[in-house]
C-alpha atoms as a PDB file:
ATOM      1  CA  UNK A   1     -17.129 -11.823  10.534  1.00  0.00           C
ATOM      2  CA  UNK A   2     -13.707 -11.585   8.932  1.00  0.00           C
ATOM      3  CA  UNK A   3     -10.736 -12.851  10.999  1.00  0.00           C
ATOM      4  CA  UNK A   4      -7.489 -10.940  10.494  1.00  0.00           C
ATOM      5  CA  UNK A   5      -4.197 -12.091  12.009  1.00  0.00           C
ATOM      6  CA  UNK A   6      -2.595  -9.212  13.936  1.00  0.00           C
ATOM      7  CA  UNK A   7       0.895  -9.731  12.462  1.00  0.00           C
ATOM      8  CA  UNK A   8      -0.588  -9.504   8.961  1.00  0.00           C
ATOM      9  CA  UNK A   9      -2.534  -6.415   9.993  1.00  0.00           C
ATOM     10  CA  UNK A  10       0.647  -4.719  11.218  1.00  0.00           C
ATOM     11  CA  UNK A  11       2.368  -5.454   7.890  1.00  0.00           C
ATOM     12  CA  UNK A  12      -0.551  -3.974   5.962  1.00  0.00           C
ATOM     13  CA  UNK A  13      -0.568  -0.885   8.190  1.00  0.00           C
ATOM     14  CA  UNK A  14       2.949   0.032   7.010  1.00  0.00           C
ATOM     15  CA  UNK A  15       1.611   0.810   3.540  1.00  0.00           C
ATOM     16  CA  UNK A  16      -1.564   2.554   4.713  1.00  0.00           C
ATOM     17  CA  UNK A  17      -2.108   6.142   5.889  1.00  0.00           C
ATOM     18  CA  UNK A  18      -1.599   7.045   9.569  1.00  0.00           C
ATOM     19  CA  UNK A  19      -4.461   6.040  11.820  1.00  0.00           C
ATOM     20  CA  UNK A  20      -5.330   2.854   9.930  1.00  0.00           C
ATOM     21  CA  UNK A  21      -4.092   0.435  12.577  1.00  0.00           C
ATOM     22  CA  UNK A  22      -5.797   2.305  15.404  1.00  0.00           C
ATOM     23  CA  UNK A  23      -9.094   2.551  13.487  1.00  0.00           C
ATOM     24  CA  UNK A  24      -9.176  -1.123  12.607  1.00  0.00           C
ATOM     25  CA  UNK A  25      -8.295  -2.192  16.153  1.00  0.00           C
ATOM     26  CA  UNK A  26     -11.034   0.046  17.567  1.00  0.00           C
ATOM     27  CA  UNK A  27     -13.611  -1.379  15.144  1.00  0.00           C
ATOM     28  CA  UNK A  28     -12.740  -5.037  15.648  1.00  0.00           C
ATOM     29  CA  UNK A  29     -13.077  -7.629  18.381  1.00  0.00           C
ATOM     30  CA  UNK A  30      -9.921  -9.310  19.642  1.00  0.00           C
ATOM     31  CA  UNK A  31      -9.859 -13.109  19.774  1.00  0.00           C
ATOM     32  CA  UNK A  32      -9.413 -14.800  23.173  1.00  0.00           C
ATOM     33  CA  UNK A  33      -5.848 -15.825  22.272  1.00  0.00           C
ATOM     34  CA  UNK A  34      -5.012 -12.222  21.274  1.00  0.00           C
ATOM     35  CA  UNK A  35      -3.675 -13.166  17.837  1.00  0.00           C
ATOM     36  CA  UNK A  36      -6.648 -12.340  15.610  1.00  0.00           C
ATOM     37  CA  UNK A  37      -9.057  -9.470  15.182  1.00  0.00           C
ATOM     38  CA  UNK A  38     -12.618 -10.047  13.977  1.00  0.00           C
ATOM     39  CA  UNK A  39     -14.367  -7.457  11.806  1.00  0.00           C
ATOM     40  CA  UNK A  40     -17.860  -7.522  10.358  1.00  0.00           C
ATOM     41  CA  UNK A  41     -18.101  -7.219   6.575  1.00  0.00           C
ATOM     42  CA  UNK A  42     -19.591  -3.698   6.493  1.00  0.00           C
ATOM     43  CA  UNK A  43     -16.967  -2.239   8.839  1.00  0.00           C
ATOM     44  CA  UNK A  44     -14.171  -3.950   6.924  1.00  0.00           C
ATOM     45  CA  UNK A  45     -15.427  -2.514   3.614  1.00  0.00           C
ATOM     46  CA  UNK A  46     -15.782   0.966   5.100  1.00  0.00           C
ATOM     47  CA  UNK A  47     -12.278   1.026   6.606  1.00  0.00           C
ATOM     48  CA  UNK A  48     -10.762  -0.474   3.494  1.00  0.00           C
ATOM     49  CA  UNK A  49     -12.304   2.247   1.318  1.00  0.00           C
ATOM     50  CA  UNK A  50     -11.163   4.980   3.702  1.00  0.00           C
ATOM     51  CA  UNK A  51      -7.564   3.813   4.159  1.00  0.00           C
ATOM     52  CA  UNK A  52      -6.790   2.102   0.836  1.00  0.00           C
ATOM     53  CA  UNK A  53      -4.004   4.175  -0.742  1.00  0.00           C
ATOM     54  CA  UNK A  54      -4.382   2.546  -4.156  1.00  0.00           C
ATOM     55  CA  UNK A  55      -7.844   4.093  -4.464  1.00  0.00           C
ATOM     56  CA  UNK A  56      -6.227   7.539  -4.710  1.00  0.00           C
ATOM     57  CA  UNK A  57      -3.332   6.851  -7.042  1.00  0.00           C
ATOM     58  CA  UNK A  58      -2.801   6.796 -10.741  1.00  0.00           C
ATOM     59  CA  UNK A  59      -1.771   3.923 -12.951  1.00  0.00           C
ATOM     60  CA  UNK A  60       1.867   5.090 -12.972  1.00  0.00           C
ATOM     61  CA  UNK A  61       2.126   4.811  -9.190  1.00  0.00           C
ATOM     62  CA  UNK A  62       0.561   1.367  -9.266  1.00  0.00           C
ATOM     63  CA  UNK A  63       2.973   0.148 -11.953  1.00  0.00           C
ATOM     64  CA  UNK A  64       5.883   1.641  -9.991  1.00  0.00           C
ATOM     65  CA  UNK A  65       4.857  -0.276  -6.846  1.00  0.00           C
ATOM     66  CA  UNK A  66       5.393  -3.500  -8.764  1.00  0.00           C
ATOM     67  CA  UNK A  67       8.263  -2.501 -11.047  1.00  0.00           C
ATOM     68  CA  UNK A  68      10.216  -0.336  -8.563  1.00  0.00           C
ATOM     69  CA  UNK A  69      11.607  -3.190  -6.440  1.00  0.00           C
ATOM     70  CA  UNK A  70      12.401  -5.170  -9.589  1.00  0.00           C
ATOM     71  CA  UNK A  71      14.225  -2.172 -11.106  1.00  0.00           C
ATOM     72  CA  UNK A  72      16.232  -1.697  -7.914  1.00  0.00           C
ATOM     73  CA  UNK A  73      17.183  -5.388  -7.825  1.00  0.00           C
ATOM     74  CA  UNK A  74      18.440  -5.421 -11.404  1.00  0.00           C
ATOM     75  CA  UNK A  75      20.006  -1.949 -11.082  1.00  0.00           C
ATOM     76  CA  UNK A  76      17.851  -0.419 -13.814  1.00  0.00           C
ATOM     77  CA  UNK A  77      19.369   2.863 -15.107  1.00  0.00           C
ATOM     78  CA  UNK A  78      16.231   4.872 -14.263  1.00  0.00           C
ATOM     79  CA  UNK A  79      16.622   4.136 -10.551  1.00  0.00           C
ATOM     80  CA  UNK A  80      18.451   6.577  -8.259  1.00  0.00           C
ATOM     81  CA  UNK A  81      20.853   3.858  -7.161  1.00  0.00           C
ATOM     82  CA  UNK A  82      20.734   4.759  -3.478  1.00  0.00           C
ATOM     83  CA  UNK A  83      19.021   1.537  -2.428  1.00  0.00           C
ATOM     84  CA  UNK A  84      15.522   3.012  -2.612  1.00  0.00           C
ATOM     85  CA  UNK A  85      12.782   2.428  -5.178  1.00  0.00           C
ATOM     86  CA  UNK A  86      12.898   6.086  -6.241  1.00  0.00           C
ATOM     87  CA  UNK A  87      13.305   7.060  -9.879  1.00  0.00           C
ATOM     88  CA  UNK A  88      15.831   9.599 -11.144  1.00  0.00           C
ATOM     89  CA  UNK A  89      14.004  12.882 -11.798  1.00  0.00           C
ATOM     90  CA  UNK A  90      13.607  13.498 -15.520  1.00  0.00           C
ATOM     91  CA  UNK A  91      14.449   9.913 -16.482  1.00  0.00           C
ATOM     92  CA  UNK A  92      12.337   8.201 -19.155  1.00  0.00           C
ATOM     93  CA  UNK A  93      10.800   5.990 -16.458  1.00  0.00           C
ATOM     94  CA  UNK A  94       9.833   9.001 -14.337  1.00  0.00           C
ATOM     95  CA  UNK A  95       8.244  10.664 -17.368  1.00  0.00           C
ATOM     96  CA  UNK A  96       6.303   7.485 -18.165  1.00  0.00           C
ATOM     97  CA  UNK A  97       5.121   7.282 -14.566  1.00  0.00           C
ATOM     98  CA  UNK A  98       3.874  10.870 -14.692  1.00  0.00           C
ATOM     99  CA  UNK A  99       2.072  10.234 -17.981  1.00  0.00           C
ATOM    100  CA  UNK A 100       0.407   7.080 -16.656  1.00  0.00           C
ATOM    101  CA  UNK A 101      -0.696   8.912 -13.508  1.00  0.00           C
ATOM    102  CA  UNK A 102      -3.172  10.803 -15.687  1.00  0.00           C
ATOM    103  CA  UNK A 103      -5.182   7.572 -15.592  1.00  0.00           C
ATOM    104  CA  UNK A 104      -6.744   7.555 -12.121  1.00  0.00           C
ATOM    105  CA  UNK A 105      -7.819   4.269 -10.621  1.00  0.00           C
END
């Protein structure tokens, strides 16, 4: 059994597709104190494969997940500059991201 803290689970759910939180809560067993959810290994692996967004993205998207917040913080010229992690369309960074997305993970 894998214990998962509910606050951590809610943070993870923000980056997962809709329905993830409900599916994992339905599959797990709540601890007596109501702070943890217990999942068996097979169910955890199945739900992780179904709702893991990185399994359906390319290398460019994965690199952007890491580099996007850094670029925003240092005000990199490729960033839109509106406080988001979005790239300017047609910028060299956006073109590199598109090219790297040809490599599927």
